[in-house]
Protein backbone atom coordinates (compact mmCIF):
# COMPACT_ATOMS: atom_id res chain seq x y z
CA MET A 1 20.30 3.14 8.71
CA ASN A 2 20.36 -0.09 6.78
CA TYR A 3 18.44 0.68 3.45
CA THR A 4 18.92 -2.96 2.20
CA LYS A 5 15.85 -4.20 3.82
CA THR A 6 13.55 -2.34 1.47
CA LYS A 7 10.62 -4.44 0.10
CA ILE A 8 8.79 -3.63 -3.06
CA MET A 9 5.04 -4.21 -3.10
CA GLY A 10 3.76 -4.55 -6.65
CA VAL A 11 0.16 -3.29 -7.41
CA ILE A 12 -2.42 -5.42 -9.28
CA ASN A 13 -5.90 -3.97 -9.75
CA ALA A 14 -8.82 -6.09 -10.53
CA ASN A 15 -11.17 -3.30 -11.36
CA GLU A 16 -12.17 -1.01 -14.21
CA ASP A 17 -11.78 2.27 -12.46
CA SER A 18 -8.33 2.41 -10.89
CA PHE A 19 -6.65 5.74 -11.75
CA PHE A 20 -3.69 4.04 -13.48
CA GLN A 21 -4.97 1.96 -16.53
CA ASN A 22 -1.86 0.05 -16.85
CA SER A 23 -2.28 -1.69 -13.42
CA ARG A 24 -5.67 -3.18 -14.26
CA PHE A 25 -5.74 -6.92 -14.99
CA GLU A 26 -8.17 -9.92 -15.17
CA GLY A 27 -7.80 -13.68 -14.55
CA LYS A 28 -4.84 -15.22 -16.45
CA ASN A 29 -3.40 -11.83 -17.53
CA ALA A 30 -3.10 -10.91 -13.86
CA ILE A 31 -1.23 -14.12 -13.06
CA ILE A 32 1.15 -13.31 -16.04
CA ARG A 33 1.79 -9.86 -14.56
CA ILE A 34 2.14 -11.35 -10.99
CA GLU A 35 4.83 -13.73 -12.35
CA GLN A 36 6.63 -11.03 -14.18
CA MET A 37 6.61 -8.89 -10.87
CA ILE A 38 8.05 -11.85 -9.01
CA GLU A 39 10.81 -11.96 -11.57
CA ASP A 40 11.36 -8.29 -11.35
CA LYS A 41 12.09 -8.79 -7.53
CA ALA A 42 8.70 -7.82 -5.85
CA LYS A 43 8.64 -9.19 -2.44
CA ILE A 44 4.81 -8.44 -1.89
CA ILE A 45 1.93 -8.40 -4.48
CA ASP A 46 -1.01 -6.18 -3.51
CA LEU A 47 -4.29 -7.14 -5.21
CA GLY A 48 -7.29 -4.82 -5.10
CA GLY A 49 -10.82 -5.07 -6.41
CA VAL A 50 -12.11 -1.69 -5.52
CA SER A 51 -10.60 1.74 -6.62
CA SER A 52 -9.71 4.12 -3.90
CA ARG A 53 -8.75 7.12 -6.09
CA PRO A 54 -10.35 10.40 -5.00
CA GLY A 55 -14.06 10.57 -6.00
CA SER A 56 -14.48 6.83 -6.28
CA ALA A 57 -17.57 5.19 -4.96
CA PRO A 58 -17.74 1.96 -3.09
CA VAL A 59 -18.98 -1.24 -4.68
CA SER A 60 -21.03 -4.18 -3.21
CA ILE A 61 -19.18 -6.98 -1.41
CA LYS A 62 -20.57 -9.38 -4.13
CA GLU A 63 -19.05 -7.30 -6.92
CA GLU A 64 -15.59 -6.90 -5.03
CA LEU A 65 -15.39 -10.73 -4.55
CA SER A 66 -16.45 -11.36 -8.14
CA ARG A 67 -13.59 -9.22 -9.33
CA VAL A 68 -10.70 -10.79 -7.07
CA LYS A 69 -12.02 -14.33 -6.67
CA PRO A 70 -10.78 -15.61 -10.14
CA ILE A 71 -7.31 -14.03 -9.43
CA ILE A 72 -7.11 -15.42 -5.82
CA ASP A 73 -8.21 -18.93 -7.10
CA LEU A 74 -5.42 -18.83 -9.76
CA ILE A 75 -2.82 -17.79 -7.30
CA TYR A 76 -3.87 -20.55 -4.90
CA GLU A 77 -4.02 -23.25 -7.69
CA GLU A 78 -0.57 -22.36 -8.98
CA LYS A 79 0.88 -21.94 -5.40
CA LEU A 80 2.28 -18.56 -6.13
CA TYR A 81 1.99 -17.74 -2.40
CA GLU A 82 4.94 -19.83 -1.95
CA LYS A 83 7.15 -17.54 -4.05
CA VAL A 84 5.90 -14.14 -2.72
CA LEU A 85 3.78 -12.60 -0.01
CA PHE A 86 0.23 -11.65 -1.14
CA SER A 87 -1.65 -8.71 0.27
CA LEU A 88 -5.37 -7.93 -0.22
CA ASP A 89 -6.30 -4.18 -0.57
CA SER A 90 -9.69 -4.43 0.96
CA TYR A 91 -11.74 -3.49 4.09
CA GLU A 92 -14.63 -6.08 3.56
CA PRO A 93 -14.34 -9.00 6.02
CA LYS A 94 -15.82 -11.58 3.63
CA VAL A 95 -13.53 -10.79 0.80
CA LEU A 96 -10.48 -10.69 3.14
CA GLU A 97 -11.45 -14.01 4.72
CA TYR A 98 -11.65 -15.63 1.13
CA ALA A 99 -8.03 -14.35 0.31
CA LEU A 100 -6.64 -15.24 3.74
CA ASP A 101 -8.06 -18.68 3.51
CA ARG A 102 -6.20 -19.13 0.15
CA GLY A 103 -2.61 -18.16 1.01
CA PHE A 104 -2.71 -14.47 1.35
CA LYS A 105 -0.85 -13.07 4.37
CA ILE A 106 -1.36 -9.32 4.49
CA VAL A 107 -4.56 -7.12 5.09
CA ASN A 108 -3.98 -3.86 3.53
CA ASP A 109 -6.86 -1.77 5.02
CA ILE A 110 -7.31 1.82 3.82
CA THR A 111 -9.69 2.48 6.69
CA GLY A 112 -7.03 1.38 9.22
CA LEU A 113 -8.92 -1.29 11.08
CA GLN A 114 -12.17 0.71 11.38
CA ASN A 115 -14.19 -2.48 11.21
CA ASP A 116 -13.97 -4.95 14.16
CA GLU A 117 -14.67 -7.83 11.96
CA VAL A 118 -11.65 -7.08 9.92
CA CYS A 119 -9.63 -7.14 13.13
CA LYS A 120 -10.98 -10.46 14.07
CA ILE A 121 -10.32 -12.15 10.72
CA THR A 122 -6.78 -10.61 10.59
CA ALA A 123 -6.09 -12.02 13.97
CA LYS A 124 -7.83 -15.43 13.20
CA TYR A 125 -5.38 -16.00 10.30
CA ASN A 126 -2.37 -14.39 12.11
CA ALA A 127 -2.02 -11.93 9.11
CA THR A 128 -0.12 -8.73 9.06
CA ALA A 129 -2.36 -5.59 9.22
CA VAL A 130 -1.39 -2.49 7.29
CA ILE A 131 -2.93 0.36 9.16
CA MET A 132 -3.41 3.19 6.77
CA HIS A 133 -4.52 6.76 7.71
CA MET A 134 -7.28 8.34 5.55
CA GLN A 135 -9.33 11.50 6.35
CA ASN A 136 -13.05 10.75 5.50
CA ASP A 137 -13.47 8.36 2.64
CA PRO A 138 -12.52 8.15 -1.09
CA LEU A 139 -15.59 9.87 -2.17
CA ASN A 140 -14.88 13.14 -0.34
CA MET A 141 -11.31 12.83 1.07
CA GLN A 142 -9.77 15.44 -1.10
CA LYS A 143 -12.39 18.06 -0.43
CA ASN A 144 -10.49 20.64 1.48
CA PRO A 145 -8.60 18.25 3.99
CA GLU A 146 -7.59 20.09 7.29
CA TYR A 147 -5.45 19.15 10.24
CA LYS A 148 -4.38 21.04 13.39
CA ASN A 149 -1.00 19.35 12.79
CA VAL A 150 -0.78 16.61 10.21
CA ILE A 151 2.08 14.79 11.79
CA LEU A 152 0.51 14.89 15.38
CA ASP A 153 -3.02 14.11 14.20
CA ILE A 154 -1.82 10.96 12.34
CA GLU A 155 0.39 10.03 15.40
CA ASP A 156 -2.89 10.01 17.55
CA PHE A 157 -4.70 8.07 14.91
CA PHE A 158 -2.00 5.40 14.86
CA LYS A 159 -1.83 5.10 18.69
CA GLU A 160 -5.59 4.46 18.76
CA ARG A 161 -5.57 1.87 15.98
CA ILE A 162 -2.25 -0.06 17.14
CA GLU A 163 -3.98 -0.31 20.57
CA LYS A 164 -7.20 -1.66 18.91
CA ALA A 165 -5.12 -4.19 16.81
CA LYS A 166 -3.36 -5.47 20.02
CA GLN A 167 -6.69 -5.80 21.74
CA PHE A 168 -7.88 -8.14 19.01
CA GLY A 169 -4.69 -10.16 19.09
CA ILE A 170 -2.99 -8.81 15.83
CA LYS A 171 0.65 -9.16 16.20
CA ASP A 172 2.17 -7.94 12.97
CA ILE A 173 1.62 -4.20 12.05
CA VAL A 174 2.75 -2.02 9.37
CA LEU A 175 1.87 1.77 9.33
CA ASP A 176 1.08 3.78 6.16
CA VAL A 177 0.59 7.53 6.46
CA GLY A 178 -1.74 7.36 3.44
CA ILE A 179 -0.23 9.85 0.94
CA GLY A 180 -3.06 11.40 -1.12
CA PHE A 181 -5.67 9.99 1.13
CA GLY A 182 -7.31 13.19 2.63
CA LYS A 183 -4.11 15.26 2.43
CA THR A 184 -3.13 18.56 0.37
CA LEU A 185 0.18 18.65 -1.41
CA ASP A 186 1.75 20.39 1.62
CA HIS A 187 0.42 17.64 3.97
CA ASN A 188 1.95 14.99 1.67
CA LEU A 189 5.27 16.75 1.45
CA GLN A 190 5.33 17.21 5.26
CA LEU A 191 4.68 13.51 5.84
CA ILE A 192 7.27 12.39 3.48
CA LYS A 193 9.93 14.76 5.02
CA ASN A 194 9.00 13.75 8.58
CA LEU A 195 8.37 10.01 7.95
CA LYS A 196 11.08 8.90 10.41
CA TYR A 197 8.98 10.46 13.26
CA PHE A 198 6.62 7.62 13.02
CA LYS A 199 9.35 5.02 13.55
CA HIS A 200 9.01 5.52 17.36
CA PHE A 201 6.08 3.13 17.22
CA GLY A 202 8.52 0.31 16.33
CA TYR A 203 6.86 -0.89 13.11
CA GLU A 204 7.63 -0.90 9.47
CA LEU A 205 6.55 1.99 7.39
CA LEU A 206 4.87 1.61 4.08
CA VAL A 207 4.70 4.37 1.42
CA GLY A 208 2.62 4.29 -1.76
CA ALA A 209 2.88 7.50 -3.86
CA SER A 210 3.11 5.73 -7.23
CA ARG A 211 2.03 8.03 -10.07
CA LYS A 212 -0.18 10.00 -7.67
CA SER A 213 -1.56 13.56 -8.49
CA MET A 214 0.86 15.18 -6.04
CA ILE A 215 3.45 14.74 -8.72
CA ASN A 216 1.15 16.56 -11.23
CA MET A 217 0.88 19.38 -8.69
CA ILE A 218 4.56 19.91 -8.62
CA CYS A 219 5.35 19.27 -12.23
CA PRO A 220 2.33 18.95 -14.57
CA THR A 221 2.39 15.54 -16.10
CA SER A 222 -0.04 12.79 -17.16
CA ILE A 223 -0.28 9.71 -15.07
CA GLU A 224 1.66 7.79 -17.68
CA GLU A 225 4.53 10.10 -17.32
CA ARG A 226 4.93 10.21 -13.60
CA LEU A 227 7.46 7.45 -13.01
CA PRO A 228 10.42 9.83 -12.42
CA GLY A 229 8.47 11.80 -9.74
CA THR A 230 7.43 8.52 -8.16
CA LEU A 231 10.84 7.26 -7.79
CA ALA A 232 12.03 10.59 -6.29
CA ILE A 233 9.28 10.42 -3.61
CA HIS A 234 9.91 6.71 -2.92
CA LEU A 235 13.72 7.07 -2.60
CA GLU A 236 13.29 10.01 -0.27
CA SER A 237 10.79 7.81 1.76
CA ILE A 238 13.33 5.14 1.97
CA LYS A 239 15.96 7.64 3.06
CA ASN A 240 13.44 8.62 5.83
CA GLU A 241 13.06 5.03 6.92
CA ALA A 242 10.17 3.58 4.84
CA SER A 243 10.88 -0.06 4.40
CA ILE A 244 7.98 -1.07 2.14
CA ILE A 245 7.34 0.77 -1.10
CA ARG A 246 4.10 0.11 -2.94
CA CYS A 247 4.32 0.76 -6.68
CA HIS A 248 3.07 -0.02 -10.11
CA ASP A 249 6.65 -0.16 -11.64
CA VAL A 250 8.55 -3.02 -9.95
CA LYS A 251 11.40 -3.40 -12.29
CA GLU A 252 12.27 0.35 -12.45
CA HIS A 253 11.87 0.58 -8.59
CA TYR A 254 14.35 -2.32 -8.09
CA GLN A 255 17.07 -0.76 -10.18
CA ALA A 256 16.71 2.63 -8.46
CA ILE A 257 16.57 1.20 -4.97
CA LYS A 258 19.68 -1.06 -5.75
CA VAL A 259 21.62 2.01 -6.91
CA PHE A 260 20.49 4.09 -3.91
CA GLU A 261 21.56 1.25 -1.61
CA ALA A 262 25.04 1.09 -3.18
CA ILE A 263 25.49 4.81 -2.79
CA ASN A 264 24.55 4.70 0.77
CA SER A 265 26.71 1.75 1.74
CA ALA A 266 29.68 3.42 0.05
CA GLU A 267 32.43 4.42 2.64
CA ILE A 268 32.75 8.05 3.48
CA LEU A 269 36.37 9.17 3.11
C-alpha cells in the first residue's frame, strides 16, 4: 500500500451552527483561513454553508447561497482555485452550479446524489462527485440507527448510487462511508476497521471524523480537545486505504501523516 497519496481536505464552514466553532468563517476571514490551509499543505478545501451536525435543520436555498456566495466570489476573484481544488459541501443544485461555474471542481453531497438535478449539474461541469452514505437526514439520523449489516448495507447503497452517477455521465467518483451520519459508535468503529472492503469499487475513499462525537463516546472530551482522537481515527483510516482525509486541523494532520508515511516506507529488516 502506497500511503504517500493521501490528500488533506480542509474544512471551511460559512454558517453559524456548525458543531466546531473554530471552523466558522465569513468573507475575507474565510479567504485568510483558506490561504493558511493551502500553506499548511491542504490539497482540497471543502466549503459548506449548511450545518449537517446531528439535529440540525435545513435552510432555504436563498439563505445557503447568501452564506457561501461572498466566499465563492472572493475565491474566484483571487484565482485561488488555481492553487488548490475546491469542493462544495451541498446538495442544492442552484448553489452547486454557482460554485462549479466559479472554479469549484468537487460536489460533496451528504445525500449521495439523491437528487437527479445534482447529478446533471455534476456531469455538466465534469466535476468529481463525493457519494456519502447517510441514514435518514441530519434532523433524525442519530435516533437509534439500525442496520442488518452496516458494511453490506452501505455496499448496496454505493452500488446503487455509483450506477446512478454513471447513468448521468459522472466520471470521477469518491466514496465516503459517512462516519457519524446515522451510525452508532459500534457502526463507526466497524466501518473504520473494514474500510478497505469498499476499495473493490475501484474509487478513492474519503473519511471525515474530525472532532466528532464518537471520540467523546470513547474518551469524554470537549470538541476543542478532540484533535488527538481525530488523528488516531484518520491515521487508522489511511492504514485501511482511505486516501482523502477531511479535517479542521490541516497543519497537524500534515505532520502526523508525514510521520506515518515515513514509518510505513521504512525497510523491514
